N, C-alpha and C. Protein backbone atom coordinates (compact mmCIF):
# COMPACT_ATOMS: atom_id res chain seq x y z
N UNK A 1 -108.87 -18.87 168.03
CA UNK A 1 -110.21 -18.59 168.52
C UNK A 1 -110.38 -17.09 168.70
N UNK A 2 -111.49 -16.58 168.26
CA UNK A 2 -111.75 -15.14 168.33
C UNK A 2 -112.11 -14.75 169.75
N UNK A 3 -111.52 -13.65 170.20
CA UNK A 3 -111.88 -13.19 171.53
C UNK A 3 -113.16 -12.36 171.48
N UNK A 4 -113.65 -11.98 172.63
CA UNK A 4 -114.94 -11.29 172.71
C UNK A 4 -114.94 -9.96 171.97
N UNK A 5 -113.83 -9.22 172.02
CA UNK A 5 -113.80 -7.93 171.33
C UNK A 5 -113.85 -8.11 169.82
N UNK A 6 -113.21 -9.19 169.30
CA UNK A 6 -113.30 -9.49 167.86
C UNK A 6 -114.74 -9.79 167.46
N UNK A 7 -115.40 -10.57 168.29
CA UNK A 7 -116.78 -10.93 167.99
C UNK A 7 -117.69 -9.71 168.01
N UNK A 8 -117.46 -8.81 168.96
CA UNK A 8 -118.26 -7.57 169.02
C UNK A 8 -117.99 -6.71 167.80
N UNK A 9 -116.72 -6.64 167.39
CA UNK A 9 -116.36 -5.86 166.21
C UNK A 9 -117.06 -6.41 164.97
N UNK A 10 -117.02 -7.73 164.81
CA UNK A 10 -117.65 -8.36 163.64
C UNK A 10 -119.17 -8.17 163.68
N UNK A 11 -119.75 -8.26 164.86
CA UNK A 11 -121.19 -8.04 164.99
C UNK A 11 -121.53 -6.60 164.62
N UNK A 12 -120.70 -5.66 165.04
CA UNK A 12 -120.92 -4.26 164.69
C UNK A 12 -120.82 -4.03 163.20
N UNK A 13 -119.83 -4.67 162.58
CA UNK A 13 -119.69 -4.54 161.12
C UNK A 13 -120.92 -5.11 160.40
N UNK A 14 -121.38 -6.26 160.85
CA UNK A 14 -122.55 -6.88 160.23
C UNK A 14 -123.78 -5.99 160.39
N UNK A 15 -123.93 -5.40 161.58
CA UNK A 15 -125.07 -4.52 161.80
C UNK A 15 -124.99 -3.29 160.90
N UNK A 16 -123.79 -2.74 160.75
CA UNK A 16 -123.61 -1.58 159.88
C UNK A 16 -123.91 -1.90 158.43
N UNK A 17 -123.47 -3.08 157.98
CA UNK A 17 -123.73 -3.49 156.60
C UNK A 17 -125.22 -3.73 156.38
N UNK A 18 -125.89 -4.29 157.38
CA UNK A 18 -127.33 -4.52 157.26
C UNK A 18 -128.08 -3.20 157.19
N UNK A 19 -127.66 -2.21 157.99
CA UNK A 19 -128.29 -0.89 157.96
C UNK A 19 -128.10 -0.24 156.60
N UNK A 20 -126.89 -0.34 156.05
CA UNK A 20 -126.61 0.23 154.73
C UNK A 20 -127.48 -0.42 153.66
N UNK A 21 -127.59 -1.74 153.70
CA UNK A 21 -128.41 -2.45 152.72
C UNK A 21 -129.88 -2.04 152.85
N UNK A 22 -130.36 -1.91 154.10
CA UNK A 22 -131.74 -1.49 154.32
C UNK A 22 -131.98 -0.10 153.73
N UNK A 23 -131.03 0.82 153.99
CA UNK A 23 -131.17 2.17 153.45
C UNK A 23 -131.19 2.18 151.93
N UNK A 24 -130.36 1.34 151.31
CA UNK A 24 -130.35 1.25 149.85
C UNK A 24 -131.69 0.74 149.32
N UNK A 25 -132.24 -0.28 149.98
CA UNK A 25 -133.53 -0.84 149.54
C UNK A 25 -134.66 0.16 149.70
N UNK A 26 -134.66 0.89 150.82
CA UNK A 26 -135.70 1.89 151.05
C UNK A 26 -135.61 2.99 149.98
N UNK A 27 -134.40 3.41 149.68
CA UNK A 27 -134.21 4.44 148.66
C UNK A 27 -134.69 3.95 147.29
N UNK A 28 -134.36 2.71 146.98
CA UNK A 28 -134.78 2.13 145.70
C UNK A 28 -136.31 2.04 145.63
N UNK A 29 -136.93 1.63 146.71
CA UNK A 29 -138.40 1.54 146.74
C UNK A 29 -139.02 2.92 146.61
N UNK A 30 -138.43 3.92 147.26
CA UNK A 30 -138.94 5.29 147.17
C UNK A 30 -138.85 5.79 145.72
N UNK A 31 -137.73 5.51 145.06
CA UNK A 31 -137.57 5.93 143.67
C UNK A 31 -138.58 5.24 142.76
N UNK A 32 -138.81 3.95 143.00
CA UNK A 32 -139.78 3.21 142.19
C UNK A 32 -141.19 3.75 142.40
N UNK A 33 -141.53 4.09 143.62
CA UNK A 33 -142.85 4.65 143.90
C UNK A 33 -143.04 6.00 143.21
N UNK A 34 -142.02 6.83 143.23
CA UNK A 34 -142.10 8.14 142.57
C UNK A 34 -142.26 7.97 141.06
N UNK A 35 -141.52 7.03 140.49
CA UNK A 35 -141.63 6.76 139.05
C UNK A 35 -143.04 6.28 138.70
N UNK A 36 -143.59 5.41 139.53
CA UNK A 36 -144.95 4.92 139.31
C UNK A 36 -145.96 6.05 139.41
N UNK A 37 -145.76 6.92 140.37
CA UNK A 37 -146.66 8.08 140.55
C UNK A 37 -146.66 8.95 139.30
N UNK A 38 -145.47 9.21 138.74
CA UNK A 38 -145.38 10.02 137.53
C UNK A 38 -146.06 9.32 136.34
N UNK A 39 -145.87 8.02 136.23
CA UNK A 39 -146.49 7.26 135.14
C UNK A 39 -148.01 7.31 135.25
N UNK A 40 -148.52 7.21 136.47
CA UNK A 40 -149.98 7.26 136.67
C UNK A 40 -150.53 8.63 136.29
N UNK A 41 -149.80 9.70 136.61
CA UNK A 41 -150.24 11.05 136.23
C UNK A 41 -150.31 11.17 134.71
N UNK A 42 -149.29 10.65 134.02
CA UNK A 42 -149.28 10.72 132.56
C UNK A 42 -150.43 9.91 131.98
N UNK A 43 -150.65 8.72 132.52
CA UNK A 43 -151.74 7.88 132.02
C UNK A 43 -153.09 8.55 132.26
N UNK A 44 -153.24 9.19 133.40
CA UNK A 44 -154.48 9.91 133.70
C UNK A 44 -154.74 11.02 132.71
N UNK A 45 -153.67 11.73 132.32
CA UNK A 45 -153.81 12.80 131.34
C UNK A 45 -154.25 12.26 129.99
N UNK A 46 -153.70 11.14 129.59
CA UNK A 46 -154.08 10.52 128.32
C UNK A 46 -155.53 10.07 128.37
N UNK A 47 -155.93 9.50 129.49
CA UNK A 47 -157.33 9.06 129.62
C UNK A 47 -158.28 10.26 129.59
N UNK A 48 -157.89 11.35 130.21
CA UNK A 48 -158.72 12.56 130.20
C UNK A 48 -158.91 13.06 128.78
N UNK A 49 -157.81 13.13 128.04
CA UNK A 49 -157.89 13.60 126.64
C UNK A 49 -158.75 12.67 125.80
N UNK A 50 -158.58 11.38 126.00
CA UNK A 50 -159.37 10.40 125.23
C UNK A 50 -160.86 10.55 125.55
N UNK A 51 -161.17 10.73 126.82
CA UNK A 51 -162.57 10.92 127.22
C UNK A 51 -163.17 12.16 126.60
N UNK A 52 -162.40 13.24 126.59
CA UNK A 52 -162.89 14.48 125.99
C UNK A 52 -163.12 14.31 124.49
N UNK A 53 -162.22 13.62 123.82
CA UNK A 53 -162.38 13.38 122.38
C UNK A 53 -163.62 12.52 122.11
N UNK A 54 -163.84 11.51 122.96
CA UNK A 54 -165.01 10.65 122.78
C UNK A 54 -166.30 11.45 122.99
N UNK A 55 -166.33 12.31 123.99
CA UNK A 55 -167.52 13.12 124.23
C UNK A 55 -167.78 14.05 123.04
N UNK A 56 -166.74 14.63 122.50
CA UNK A 56 -166.88 15.50 121.33
C UNK A 56 -167.41 14.70 120.15
N UNK A 57 -166.87 13.51 119.96
CA UNK A 57 -167.30 12.65 118.85
C UNK A 57 -168.76 12.24 119.04
N UNK A 58 -169.15 11.89 120.25
CA UNK A 58 -170.52 11.47 120.51
C UNK A 58 -171.52 12.62 120.29
N UNK A 59 -171.08 13.83 120.52
CA UNK A 59 -171.95 14.98 120.29
C UNK A 59 -172.02 15.35 118.81
N UNK A 60 -171.19 14.73 118.01
CA UNK A 60 -171.22 14.97 116.58
C UNK A 60 -170.45 16.19 116.16
N UNK A 61 -169.58 16.70 117.02
CA UNK A 61 -168.78 17.85 116.68
C UNK A 61 -167.46 17.38 116.08
N UNK A 62 -166.90 18.17 115.18
CA UNK A 62 -165.61 17.78 114.62
C UNK A 62 -164.52 17.81 115.70
N UNK A 63 -163.60 16.84 115.62
CA UNK A 63 -162.52 16.79 116.57
C UNK A 63 -161.39 17.58 116.03
């Protein structure tokens, strides 16, 4: 039978492992958000260029 100090030790280990896992998940989510932000910037640039080309085409100017 485990004594009280063993149980406290195991509880401390479990809490430490849970904290580590939480930190890993937060870091992963932060990285995913940054990647999404970069992708959105690139997509916005492509949309801007496409819009400018369409406006030029609609005005009848050579692209």
